[in-house]
């Protein structure tokens, strides 16, 4: 293996400077490249964070060679002019038996590395740096395998998320660690966030490490969705990839029928299920003042769970009498009535419903099935935030009880399946002004205390509360241009300065920087294509091959199990 260059200077905190050898072109080096440095005692896995040009004398800059004088340029190259790399060590391996290992010796030991013998080579955080003139090499397949593991590792639930930009070797995420904490998928509009989310959700379903509750605002996850491009092309939804493991619920049955979903379950909520806390989350969308929320709390305390319907049916005289009897403000109550009238336009809200939607969803999740809730034409922010909050709060309450019961009995049969809740437009739920009061802020801070975590999908990470961002275990980030958004991505990340340039240099499509709890070190990947090959490798029996009678039989069985 031919070295690329030598370490000439640097520090643990600021990174290392590598001088390229004369025969290595600086144009072959790119930000985000995975490099390996062989020190005298340890092998260092590093990330290339910057590329610069250097000269041995300022006279060369003052009197550069003629552009057509290739001979002089070649004479100067390597000695008087050279390329330098800024690299950041991320992990290190020190072979236990041979402290003074040469490169061939270490490679020989690594060649025997497998999923079954991974204990011999423990990846450690970098606590030191290689010595002067240590040789730097381009990472090989074995290096990627050593750090990121195998997808078929029998001891871990690894899932391939993509591959390095210049190599065909899988980069795996540890899904057991991924579901342990709340995570985020970020990137500006059009960078493929929904495709990244579908990849990760498919991995969770395939590896059976938990269950998903997906609030599908734009109908992209449950059923097929149109891809960007000049030609009409669609991407399969999770229901089509995993027919026996995914159930679609819809808040807009007409939309589901138009899109050809054969067995979507209709879902309705009622006005009596709306709490004042739900209204506080959509305070901005409904233009509610603090006085209106105080009036809502007064009405709830005095009128009970049907307070919204009673308020909407009140006349001016009845409002005035209520305020006189309960020391309320007529103007606030009247304004609240006028603004809550918008809720009557939401198709899925009923005065009374015989359904127990929360129990229905919980039964499905408890059976190990994944739930996608589609909004159809109800995909406005008010509708999405209200329904998502109502459902999530009650699902979380149920998981708290299950977790407490498990802590009491300590029986493996009582252990709840880890639940991953996927939400879009996450900055609306986790804004600094309200995140401490919402169920989503609570879940993000709990760090899987009750077996519930978030997967947030958003294009504005700077709009998310910094405390919440600091609790994000794994961050999968596509291209971002805004400096505030880039800064937010690295909230709570040590050594973030060297990674900023890596993030800003990503391609606009199918590239992402992954860092955090589920990967041993930050890595830039060419994301796995979500195409027919992926469907074959990951999915179950193709939806088109399942007879209609089998689908309807499964639907009737599910309805029967849920008491319908």
Protein backbone atom coordinates (compact mmCIF):
# COMPACT_ATOMS: atom_id res chain seq x y z
CA UNK A 1 0.00 0.00 0.00
CA UNK A 2 1.55 3.30 -1.12
CA UNK A 3 1.55 6.13 1.45
CA UNK A 4 -0.03 9.47 0.56
CA UNK A 5 2.10 11.66 2.80
CA UNK A 6 3.76 12.22 6.16
CA UNK A 7 2.62 13.85 9.38
CA UNK A 8 4.70 17.02 9.82
CA UNK A 9 3.01 18.83 12.70
CA UNK A 10 -0.25 19.29 14.60
CA UNK A 11 -1.97 18.81 17.93
CA UNK A 12 -4.66 16.66 19.51
CA UNK A 13 -7.07 19.58 19.83
CA UNK A 14 -6.55 21.21 16.41
CA UNK A 15 -5.75 18.21 14.23
CA UNK A 16 -2.73 17.14 12.23
CA UNK A 17 -0.99 18.61 9.21
CA UNK A 18 0.05 16.10 6.57
CA UNK A 19 2.43 16.92 3.72
CA UNK A 20 1.64 15.02 0.54
CA UNK A 21 4.36 13.05 -1.17
CA UNK A 22 5.54 14.48 -4.56
CA UNK A 23 3.86 11.72 -6.57
CA UNK A 24 0.42 12.32 -5.02
CA UNK A 25 -1.84 14.89 -6.67
CA UNK A 26 -3.62 17.28 -4.35
CA UNK A 27 -6.62 17.09 -6.71
CA UNK A 28 -7.18 13.48 -5.65
CA UNK A 29 -7.81 14.57 -2.08
CA UNK A 30 -11.31 15.63 -1.05
CA UNK A 31 -12.82 16.85 2.20
CA UNK A 32 -14.54 14.04 4.10
CA UNK A 33 -12.12 11.32 2.95
CA UNK A 34 -11.36 8.51 5.40
CA UNK A 35 -7.59 8.18 6.05
CA UNK A 36 -5.42 5.92 8.17
CA UNK A 37 -2.18 6.92 9.93
CA UNK A 38 0.18 4.20 11.06
CA UNK A 39 2.04 5.37 14.15
CA UNK A 40 4.77 3.50 15.96
CA UNK A 41 2.36 2.00 18.46
CA UNK A 42 -1.14 2.63 17.21
CA UNK A 43 -3.21 2.84 14.08
CA UNK A 44 -5.25 6.05 13.80
CA UNK A 45 -8.48 6.39 11.83
CA UNK A 46 -8.87 9.97 10.64
CA UNK A 47 -11.14 12.28 8.67
CA UNK A 48 -9.78 14.71 6.08
CA UNK A 49 -11.16 18.15 6.94
CA UNK A 50 -9.23 20.58 4.73
CA UNK A 51 -6.84 20.71 1.76
CA UNK A 52 -4.32 23.52 1.25
CA UNK A 53 -1.39 24.44 -1.02
CA UNK A 54 2.02 25.34 0.38
CA UNK A 55 5.33 26.71 -0.91
CA UNK A 56 8.85 26.47 0.48
CA UNK A 57 9.66 30.10 -0.36
CA UNK A 58 7.56 33.26 -0.76
CA UNK A 59 9.71 34.06 -3.82
CA UNK A 60 7.80 31.40 -5.75
CA UNK A 61 4.53 33.18 -5.04
CA UNK A 62 6.06 36.52 -6.05
CA UNK A 63 7.40 35.08 -9.31
CA UNK A 64 5.30 32.03 -10.28
CA UNK A 65 6.37 29.93 -13.29
CA UNK A 66 4.78 30.53 -16.67
CA UNK A 67 1.54 28.52 -17.03
CA UNK A 68 2.93 26.91 -20.19
CA UNK A 69 6.27 25.98 -18.61
CA UNK A 70 5.29 22.48 -17.48
CA UNK A 71 8.91 21.42 -17.02
CA UNK A 72 9.56 24.07 -14.36
CA UNK A 73 6.26 23.26 -12.66
CA UNK A 74 7.30 19.62 -12.42
CA UNK A 75 10.73 20.61 -11.04
CA UNK A 76 9.12 22.69 -8.30
CA UNK A 77 6.40 20.14 -7.47
CA UNK A 78 6.98 18.19 -4.28
CA UNK A 79 9.96 20.15 -2.97
CA UNK A 80 9.24 23.82 -3.48
CA UNK A 81 5.49 23.51 -3.99
CA UNK A 82 3.40 20.88 -2.27
CA UNK A 83 -0.03 20.03 -0.99
CA UNK A 84 -0.99 19.72 2.67
CA UNK A 85 -3.93 18.06 4.38
CA UNK A 86 -5.65 18.89 7.64
CA UNK A 87 -6.78 15.62 9.22
CA UNK A 88 -8.59 14.94 12.47
CA UNK A 89 -7.87 11.65 14.31
CA UNK A 90 -11.14 10.06 15.45
CA UNK A 91 -10.30 6.54 16.66
CA UNK A 92 -7.25 4.44 17.36
CA UNK A 93 -6.33 0.78 17.70
CA UNK A 94 -3.38 -0.49 19.70
CA UNK A 95 -2.70 -4.24 19.22
CA UNK A 96 -2.30 -5.79 22.66
CA UNK A 97 0.33 -8.39 21.81
CA UNK A 98 2.65 -6.21 19.71
CA UNK A 99 3.08 -2.65 20.88
CA UNK A 100 5.84 -1.83 18.39
CA UNK A 101 3.87 -3.14 15.41
CA UNK A 102 4.94 -2.30 11.87
CA UNK A 103 2.33 -1.56 9.23
CA UNK A 104 2.50 -5.07 7.65
CA UNK A 105 2.19 -6.63 11.11
CA UNK A 106 -0.88 -4.58 11.97
CA UNK A 107 -2.45 -5.31 8.59
CA UNK A 108 -1.80 -9.00 9.12
CA UNK A 109 -3.58 -8.84 12.47
CA UNK A 110 -6.45 -6.82 11.02
CA UNK A 111 -6.82 -9.29 8.18
CA UNK A 112 -7.99 -11.84 10.73
CA UNK A 113 -10.52 -9.37 12.07
CA UNK A 114 -14.12 -10.58 11.89
CA UNK A 115 -17.36 -10.00 13.70
CA UNK A 116 -16.54 -12.92 15.97
CA UNK A 117 -13.05 -11.62 16.96
CA UNK A 118 -13.80 -7.92 17.30
CA UNK A 119 -12.88 -7.94 21.01
CA UNK A 120 -9.20 -8.30 20.10
CA UNK A 121 -9.21 -4.90 18.42
CA UNK A 122 -11.10 -2.48 20.61
CA UNK A 123 -11.66 0.91 19.04
CA UNK A 124 -10.67 3.62 21.50
CA UNK A 125 -11.12 7.39 21.59
CA UNK A 126 -8.01 9.27 20.51
CA UNK A 127 -5.93 10.30 23.53
CA UNK A 128 -2.67 10.99 21.73
CA UNK A 129 -1.31 11.65 18.25
CA UNK A 130 1.14 9.84 15.95
CA UNK A 131 4.79 10.89 15.91
CA UNK A 132 6.50 13.07 13.31
CA UNK A 133 6.73 11.60 9.83
CA UNK A 134 4.19 8.86 10.49
CA UNK A 135 2.87 7.68 7.14
CA UNK A 136 -0.65 8.42 6.00
CA UNK A 137 -2.61 5.96 3.86
CA UNK A 138 -5.91 5.95 2.05
CA UNK A 139 -8.38 3.78 3.96
CA UNK A 140 -9.01 0.35 2.47
CA UNK A 141 -12.06 -1.89 2.71
CA UNK A 142 -10.60 -3.65 5.72
CA UNK A 143 -10.31 -0.35 7.58
CA UNK A 144 -13.95 0.49 6.96
CA UNK A 145 -14.95 -2.99 8.08
CA UNK A 146 -12.86 -2.65 11.22
CA UNK A 147 -14.51 0.61 12.22
CA UNK A 148 -18.08 0.24 10.96
CA UNK A 149 -18.51 -3.52 11.06
CA UNK A 150 -20.44 -5.97 8.90
CA UNK A 151 -24.12 -5.81 8.05
CA UNK A 152 -24.44 -9.54 8.73
CA UNK A 153 -22.68 -9.37 12.13
CA UNK A 154 -24.49 -11.96 14.31
CA UNK A 155 -23.72 -10.00 17.48
CA UNK A 156 -25.06 -6.60 16.36
CA UNK A 157 -28.00 -5.25 14.42
CA UNK A 158 -25.98 -3.37 11.80
CA UNK A 159 -27.61 -1.79 8.77
CA UNK A 160 -25.88 -0.37 5.71
CA UNK A 161 -26.78 3.30 5.22
CA UNK A 162 -24.46 3.90 2.27
CA UNK A 163 -20.84 3.72 1.21
CA UNK A 164 -17.80 6.00 0.99
CA UNK A 165 -17.86 8.36 -1.98
CA UNK A 166 -14.89 6.67 -3.65
CA UNK A 167 -15.27 3.03 -2.54
CA UNK A 168 -17.84 0.26 -2.72
CA UNK A 169 -17.90 -0.93 0.86
CA UNK A 170 -20.92 -0.61 3.18
CA UNK A 171 -20.97 1.92 6.01
CA UNK A 172 -23.10 0.45 8.79
CA UNK A 173 -25.12 2.05 11.55
CA UNK A 174 -25.58 0.16 14.82
CA UNK A 175 -29.38 0.13 15.09
CA UNK A 176 -29.37 -1.05 18.71
CA UNK A 177 -27.54 2.15 19.62
CA UNK A 178 -29.63 4.17 17.17
CA UNK A 179 -32.93 3.43 18.94
CA UNK A 180 -31.40 4.08 22.37
CA UNK A 181 -31.58 7.86 21.92
CA UNK A 182 -33.48 10.46 19.96
CA UNK A 183 -31.97 11.19 16.56
CA UNK A 184 -32.24 13.73 13.76
CA UNK A 185 -32.19 13.84 9.97
CA UNK A 186 -31.35 17.31 8.71
CA UNK A 187 -30.75 19.02 5.38
CA UNK A 188 -32.08 21.83 3.27
CA UNK A 189 -35.12 21.28 1.08
CA UNK A 190 -34.52 18.89 -1.81
CA UNK A 191 -31.50 17.06 -0.36
CA UNK A 192 -33.36 13.77 0.19
CA UNK A 193 -34.27 13.83 3.89
CA UNK A 194 -37.36 11.68 3.34
CA UNK A 195 -35.28 9.07 1.49
CA UNK A 196 -32.77 8.99 4.35
CA UNK A 197 -35.65 8.56 6.79
CA UNK A 198 -37.11 5.71 4.74
CA UNK A 199 -33.72 3.97 4.69
CA UNK A 200 -33.34 4.14 8.47
CA UNK A 201 -36.96 3.18 9.14
CA UNK A 202 -36.58 0.21 6.79
CA UNK A 203 -33.51 -0.85 8.74
CA UNK A 204 -35.39 -0.74 12.05
CA UNK A 205 -38.19 -2.83 10.55
CA UNK A 206 -35.84 -5.30 8.86
CA UNK A 207 -33.67 -5.84 11.93
CA UNK A 208 -36.65 -5.83 14.36
CA UNK A 209 -34.93 -3.62 16.94
CA UNK A 210 -38.09 -1.65 17.77
CA UNK A 211 -41.38 -0.35 16.44
CA UNK A 212 -42.07 2.87 14.56
CA UNK A 213 -44.86 5.41 14.91
CA UNK A 214 -44.56 7.67 11.88
CA UNK A 215 -46.55 10.88 11.48
CA UNK A 216 -46.51 11.12 7.70
CA UNK A 217 -47.31 14.76 6.96
CA UNK A 218 -46.78 14.62 3.20
CA UNK A 219 -47.80 10.98 2.56
CA UNK A 220 -44.25 9.87 1.73
CA UNK A 221 -43.58 6.96 4.07
CA UNK A 222 -46.61 4.68 4.17
CA UNK A 223 -47.42 4.37 0.49
CA UNK A 224 -45.59 5.16 -2.73
CA UNK A 225 -44.60 8.78 -3.37
CA UNK A 226 -43.48 10.66 -6.46
CA UNK A 227 -39.73 11.26 -6.76
CA UNK A 228 -38.16 14.47 -7.97
CA UNK A 229 -37.07 14.59 -11.61
CA UNK A 230 -38.26 15.17 -15.14
CA UNK A 231 -39.67 11.66 -15.58
CA UNK A 232 -42.59 10.33 -13.56
CA UNK A 233 -41.07 7.95 -11.02
CA UNK A 234 -42.31 6.69 -7.69
CA UNK A 235 -40.65 5.26 -4.60
CA UNK A 236 -42.30 2.46 -2.64
CA UNK A 237 -43.64 3.13 0.83
CA UNK A 238 -42.99 1.03 3.91
CA UNK A 239 -46.37 -0.66 3.65
CA UNK A 240 -45.43 -1.99 0.21
CA UNK A 241 -41.98 -3.13 1.37
CA UNK A 242 -43.18 -4.81 4.58
CA UNK A 243 -46.85 -5.76 4.07
CA UNK A 244 -47.02 -7.99 7.16
CA UNK A 245 -45.25 -5.57 9.49
CA UNK A 246 -46.58 -2.09 8.63
CA UNK A 247 -50.11 -0.75 9.08
CA UNK A 248 -51.29 2.53 7.56
CA UNK A 249 -53.84 4.70 9.36
CA UNK A 250 -55.32 7.69 7.63
CA UNK A 251 -56.98 10.89 8.81
CA UNK A 252 -58.29 11.43 5.27
CA UNK A 253 -59.89 8.20 3.92
CA UNK A 254 -60.80 9.81 0.59
CA UNK A 255 -57.17 10.67 -0.10
CA UNK A 256 -56.10 7.12 0.77
CA UNK A 257 -58.61 5.68 -1.70
CA UNK A 258 -57.50 8.02 -4.46
CA UNK A 259 -53.90 6.91 -3.97
CA UNK A 260 -54.85 3.24 -4.16
CA UNK A 261 -54.17 2.16 -0.57
CA UNK A 262 -56.29 -0.96 -0.26
CA UNK A 263 -56.37 -1.45 3.50
CA UNK A 264 -55.72 1.90 5.22
CA UNK A 265 -57.49 2.09 8.59
CA UNK A 266 -59.61 5.18 9.14
CA UNK A 267 -58.68 7.20 12.21
CA UNK A 268 -60.85 9.80 13.92
CA UNK A 269 -60.29 11.99 16.97
CA UNK A 270 -62.89 13.80 19.04
CA UNK A 271 -63.11 17.30 20.48
CA UNK A 272 -63.35 15.89 24.01
CA UNK A 273 -59.87 14.39 23.61
CA UNK A 274 -58.27 17.82 23.08
CA UNK A 275 -56.48 19.12 26.16
CA UNK A 276 -55.40 22.67 26.90
CA UNK A 277 -51.80 21.47 26.48
CA UNK A 278 -52.63 20.54 22.87
CA UNK A 279 -53.91 24.05 22.22
CA UNK A 280 -50.77 25.55 23.77
CA UNK A 281 -48.68 23.76 21.12
CA UNK A 282 -50.74 25.26 18.27
CA UNK A 283 -51.01 28.64 19.98
CA UNK A 284 -49.25 30.39 17.12
CA UNK A 285 -51.27 28.63 14.38
CA UNK A 286 -54.56 29.54 16.07
CA UNK A 287 -53.29 32.99 17.08
CA UNK A 288 -54.20 32.37 20.71
CA UNK A 289 -53.13 34.81 23.40
CA UNK A 290 -52.08 33.84 26.90
CA UNK A 291 -55.42 35.20 28.11
CA UNK A 292 -57.22 32.84 25.72
CA UNK A 293 -55.30 29.87 27.10
CA UNK A 294 -56.20 30.94 30.64
CA UNK A 295 -59.85 31.09 29.57
CA UNK A 296 -59.52 27.63 28.01
CA UNK A 297 -58.26 26.24 31.32
CA UNK A 298 -61.17 27.90 33.13
CA UNK A 299 -63.68 26.42 30.68
CA UNK A 300 -62.14 22.95 30.98
CA UNK A 301 -62.29 23.07 34.79
CA UNK A 302 -65.90 24.24 34.85
CA UNK A 303 -67.45 22.37 31.91
CA UNK A 304 -65.45 19.13 31.82
CA UNK A 305 -64.12 17.20 28.83
CA UNK A 306 -66.82 18.47 26.41
CA UNK A 307 -65.90 22.09 27.01
CA UNK A 308 -64.90 22.87 23.40
CA UNK A 309 -68.21 21.75 21.89
CA UNK A 310 -70.15 23.58 24.60
CA UNK A 311 -68.11 26.74 23.98
CA UNK A 312 -68.65 26.56 20.20
CA UNK A 313 -72.43 26.32 20.78
CA UNK A 314 -72.64 29.18 23.28
CA UNK A 315 -74.44 32.40 22.42
CA UNK A 316 -73.15 35.82 23.47
CA UNK A 317 -75.58 35.86 26.38
CA UNK A 318 -74.42 32.42 27.56
CA UNK A 319 -70.80 33.49 27.38
CA UNK A 320 -71.58 36.60 29.39
CA UNK A 321 -73.43 34.57 32.04
CA UNK A 322 -70.56 32.05 32.25
CA UNK A 323 -68.03 34.83 32.74
CA UNK A 324 -70.11 36.51 35.43
CA UNK A 325 -70.53 33.21 37.30
CA UNK A 326 -66.87 32.18 37.04
CA UNK A 327 -65.01 35.50 37.08
CA UNK A 328 -63.90 35.14 33.47
CA UNK A 329 -63.19 37.65 30.72
CA UNK A 330 -65.92 37.83 28.11
CA UNK A 331 -63.62 39.28 25.47
CA UNK A 332 -61.08 36.45 25.95
CA UNK A 333 -63.72 33.73 25.89
CA UNK A 334 -65.36 35.23 22.81
CA UNK A 335 -62.01 35.43 21.01
CA UNK A 336 -61.28 31.84 22.02
CA UNK A 337 -64.63 30.70 20.61
CA UNK A 338 -63.97 32.48 17.31
CA UNK A 339 -60.47 31.02 16.91
CA UNK A 340 -61.41 27.49 17.95
CA UNK A 341 -64.07 27.53 15.25
CA UNK A 342 -61.24 26.69 12.82
CA UNK A 343 -61.06 23.22 14.37
CA UNK A 344 -64.47 22.35 12.92
CA UNK A 345 -62.84 22.39 9.46
CA UNK A 346 -60.60 19.44 10.33
CA UNK A 347 -62.12 16.32 8.75
CA UNK A 348 -60.86 13.88 11.34
CA UNK A 349 -62.34 15.70 14.37
CA UNK A 350 -65.73 14.46 15.56
CA UNK A 351 -68.04 15.58 18.31
CA UNK A 352 -68.11 12.04 19.63
CA UNK A 353 -66.39 8.95 18.23
CA UNK A 354 -66.93 5.33 19.16
CA UNK A 355 -63.34 4.62 18.25
CA UNK A 356 -60.59 4.40 20.81
CA UNK A 357 -57.85 5.60 18.42
CA UNK A 358 -55.10 5.59 21.01
CA UNK A 359 -55.89 2.07 22.15
CA UNK A 360 -56.10 0.99 18.51
CA UNK A 361 -52.61 2.31 17.78
CA UNK A 362 -51.18 0.90 21.01
CA UNK A 363 -52.54 -2.57 20.21
CA UNK A 364 -50.90 -2.45 16.80
CA UNK A 365 -47.55 -1.36 18.27
CA UNK A 366 -47.73 -3.95 21.05
CA UNK A 367 -48.16 -6.63 18.38
CA UNK A 368 -44.80 -5.57 16.95
CA UNK A 369 -46.27 -3.80 13.93
CA UNK A 370 -45.19 -0.39 12.72
CA UNK A 371 -47.74 2.40 12.34
CA UNK A 372 -47.81 5.10 9.67
CA UNK A 373 -50.39 7.86 10.15
CA UNK A 374 -51.14 9.70 6.91
CA UNK A 375 -52.74 13.14 6.82
CA UNK A 376 -53.73 13.44 3.16
CA UNK A 377 -55.46 16.76 2.54
CA UNK A 378 -55.23 17.51 6.27
CA UNK A 379 -51.49 18.17 6.01
CA UNK A 380 -51.52 21.79 7.17
CA UNK A 381 -49.44 22.78 10.19
CA UNK A 382 -52.41 23.27 12.51
CA UNK A 383 -53.84 19.86 11.70
CA UNK A 384 -50.48 18.07 11.80
CA UNK A 385 -49.31 19.57 15.07
CA UNK A 386 -52.64 19.08 16.83
CA UNK A 387 -53.16 15.42 15.89
CA UNK A 388 -49.49 14.51 16.39
CA UNK A 389 -49.44 16.03 19.86
CA UNK A 390 -52.75 14.44 20.92
CA UNK A 391 -51.68 10.96 19.85
CA UNK A 392 -48.06 11.16 21.06
CA UNK A 393 -48.97 12.41 24.53
CA UNK A 394 -51.27 9.46 25.17
CA UNK A 395 -48.93 6.90 23.63
CA UNK A 396 -46.15 8.22 25.85
CA UNK A 397 -48.36 7.99 28.93
CA UNK A 398 -49.01 4.33 28.15
CA UNK A 399 -45.29 3.62 27.68
CA UNK A 400 -44.49 5.28 31.00
CA UNK A 401 -46.87 2.86 32.73
CA UNK A 402 -45.40 -0.11 30.83
CA UNK A 403 -41.85 0.93 31.71
CA UNK A 404 -42.70 1.35 35.39
CA UNK A 405 -44.38 -2.07 35.39
CA UNK A 406 -41.27 -3.60 33.82
CA UNK A 407 -39.05 -1.97 36.45
CA UNK A 408 -41.25 -3.51 39.10
CA UNK A 409 -41.42 -7.07 37.71
CA UNK A 410 -38.07 -7.14 35.85
CA UNK A 411 -39.50 -9.82 33.57
CA UNK A 412 -38.23 -9.84 30.01
CA UNK A 413 -41.78 -10.51 28.82
CA UNK A 414 -42.87 -7.18 30.34
CA UNK A 415 -40.11 -5.18 28.62
CA UNK A 416 -41.73 -2.76 26.14
CA UNK A 417 -40.53 -2.77 22.55
CA UNK A 418 -38.48 0.39 21.92
CA UNK A 419 -40.70 2.93 20.17
CA UNK A 420 -39.31 5.42 17.64
CA UNK A 421 -41.65 8.34 16.87
CA UNK A 422 -40.93 10.09 13.57
CA UNK A 423 -42.06 13.71 13.14
CA UNK A 424 -41.51 16.22 10.35
CA UNK A 425 -41.27 20.01 10.72
CA UNK A 426 -39.64 19.24 14.06
CA UNK A 427 -38.64 22.84 14.80
CA UNK A 428 -42.35 23.64 15.16
CA UNK A 429 -42.61 21.17 18.06
CA UNK A 430 -39.20 21.83 19.61
CA UNK A 431 -38.95 25.61 19.41
CA UNK A 432 -37.05 27.01 22.41
CA UNK A 433 -40.11 28.92 23.59
CA UNK A 434 -42.32 25.82 23.91
CA UNK A 435 -40.09 22.71 23.90
CA UNK A 436 -39.98 22.51 27.70
CA UNK A 437 -43.79 22.32 27.76
CA UNK A 438 -44.40 19.84 24.93
CA UNK A 439 -44.38 16.07 25.01
CA UNK A 440 -41.74 16.05 22.28
CA UNK A 441 -39.30 18.08 24.35
CA UNK A 442 -39.93 15.70 27.24
CA UNK A 443 -39.23 12.62 25.11
CA UNK A 444 -36.06 14.13 23.65
CA UNK A 445 -34.68 14.83 27.13
CA UNK A 446 -35.58 11.44 28.63
CA UNK A 447 -32.88 9.55 26.67
CA UNK A 448 -35.08 6.44 26.27
CA UNK A 449 -35.92 6.31 29.97
CA UNK A 450 -39.36 4.97 29.04
CA UNK A 451 -38.31 3.18 25.83
CA UNK A 452 -39.57 6.04 23.62
CA UNK A 453 -37.33 8.15 21.36
CA UNK A 454 -37.79 10.64 18.53
CA UNK A 455 -36.60 10.65 14.96
CA UNK A 456 -36.92 14.27 13.87
CA UNK A 457 -36.80 15.27 10.20
CA UNK A 458 -36.19 18.96 9.62
CA UNK A 459 -34.58 21.54 7.35
CA UNK A 460 -34.11 24.15 10.09
CA UNK A 461 -32.09 22.64 12.96
CA UNK A 462 -31.34 26.17 14.21
CA UNK A 463 -35.03 26.44 15.14
CA UNK A 464 -34.75 23.54 17.58
CA UNK A 465 -34.00 24.20 21.23
CA UNK A 466 -30.24 23.86 21.89
CA UNK A 467 -30.80 21.69 24.93
CA UNK A 468 -32.84 19.27 22.80
CA UNK A 469 -30.23 19.29 20.03
CA UNK A 470 -27.51 18.45 22.54
CA UNK A 471 -29.48 15.29 23.46
CA UNK A 472 -29.68 14.04 19.86
CA UNK A 473 -27.78 10.76 19.80
CA UNK A 474 -27.13 10.44 16.07
CA UNK A 475 -27.33 13.17 13.44
CA UNK A 476 -27.64 12.33 9.76
CA UNK A 477 -27.09 15.59 7.93
CA UNK A 478 -27.36 16.36 4.23
CA UNK A 479 -26.24 19.67 2.72
CA UNK A 480 -26.93 22.83 4.74
CA UNK A 481 -26.00 26.35 3.66
CA UNK A 482 -27.17 28.54 6.52
CA UNK A 483 -24.42 29.18 9.08
CA UNK A 484 -26.89 29.04 11.97
CA UNK A 485 -28.16 25.63 10.85
CA UNK A 486 -24.62 24.31 10.49
CA UNK A 487 -23.74 25.60 13.95
CA UNK A 488 -26.85 23.94 15.40
CA UNK A 489 -25.86 20.54 13.99
CA UNK A 490 -22.69 20.55 16.08
CA UNK A 491 -24.36 21.58 19.35
CA UNK A 492 -22.78 19.49 22.09
CA UNK A 493 -20.23 17.89 19.71
CA UNK A 494 -16.56 18.11 20.69
CA UNK A 495 -14.11 19.04 17.97
CA UNK A 496 -16.91 20.39 15.80
CA UNK A 497 -14.78 23.10 14.20
CA UNK A 498 -12.99 20.66 11.93
CA UNK A 499 -16.26 19.10 10.76
CA UNK A 500 -17.96 22.31 9.62
CA UNK A 501 -16.01 22.44 6.37
CA UNK A 502 -16.88 18.80 5.72
CA UNK A 503 -20.59 19.50 6.03
CA UNK A 504 -20.51 22.59 3.86
CA UNK A 505 -18.80 20.68 1.01
CA UNK A 506 -21.38 17.90 0.62
CA UNK A 507 -23.11 17.35 -2.70
CA UNK A 508 -26.73 18.49 -2.88
CA UNK A 509 -28.01 14.94 -3.46
CA UNK A 510 -27.36 11.53 -1.90
CA UNK A 511 -24.55 12.57 0.43
CA UNK A 512 -24.69 12.94 4.18
CA UNK A 513 -22.45 13.41 7.20
CA UNK A 514 -23.26 10.91 9.94
CA UNK A 515 -22.01 11.43 13.48
CA UNK A 516 -23.02 10.45 16.95
CA UNK A 517 -24.03 7.52 19.11
CA UNK A 518 -24.76 4.94 16.37
CA UNK A 519 -21.45 5.26 14.48
CA UNK A 520 -17.92 4.95 15.93
CA UNK A 521 -16.73 8.14 14.22
CA UNK A 522 -18.09 10.86 11.89
CA UNK A 523 -18.23 9.70 8.28
CA UNK A 524 -19.37 11.08 4.93
CA UNK A 525 -21.42 8.58 2.93
CA UNK A 526 -22.93 8.29 -0.51
CA UNK A 527 -26.34 7.22 0.72
CA UNK A 528 -27.74 3.87 -0.32
CA UNK A 529 -30.06 4.15 -3.33
CA UNK A 530 -33.71 3.60 -2.48
CA UNK A 531 -34.42 1.59 -5.62
CA UNK A 532 -35.46 -1.81 -6.92
CA UNK A 533 -32.24 -3.41 -5.67
CA UNK A 534 -32.95 -2.07 -2.18
CA UNK A 535 -36.53 -3.38 -2.35
CA UNK A 536 -35.23 -6.87 -3.21
CA UNK A 537 -32.50 -6.91 -0.55
CA UNK A 538 -34.52 -5.46 2.33
CA UNK A 539 -38.24 -5.84 1.64
CA UNK A 540 -40.61 -8.76 2.06
CA UNK A 541 -42.79 -10.25 -0.65
CA UNK A 542 -43.59 -7.58 -3.22
CA UNK A 543 -46.96 -5.96 -2.55
CA UNK A 544 -48.04 -6.54 -6.14
CA UNK A 545 -47.56 -10.30 -5.68
CA UNK A 546 -49.90 -10.54 -2.66
CA UNK A 547 -53.45 -11.60 -3.65
CA UNK A 548 -56.24 -9.20 -2.71
CA UNK A 549 -57.99 -11.88 -0.64
CA UNK A 550 -54.92 -12.28 1.59
CA UNK A 551 -54.77 -8.52 2.21
CA UNK A 552 -58.45 -8.28 3.07
CA UNK A 553 -58.21 -11.37 5.29
CA UNK A 554 -55.34 -9.79 7.19
CA UNK A 555 -57.30 -6.56 7.49
CA UNK A 556 -60.36 -8.35 8.93
CA UNK A 557 -58.18 -10.25 11.39
CA UNK A 558 -56.55 -7.02 12.54
CA UNK A 559 -59.91 -5.31 12.97
CA UNK A 560 -61.18 -8.29 14.97
CA UNK A 561 -58.14 -8.24 17.23
CA UNK A 562 -58.77 -4.56 17.94
CA UNK A 563 -62.42 -5.17 18.89
CA UNK A 564 -64.16 -3.99 15.70
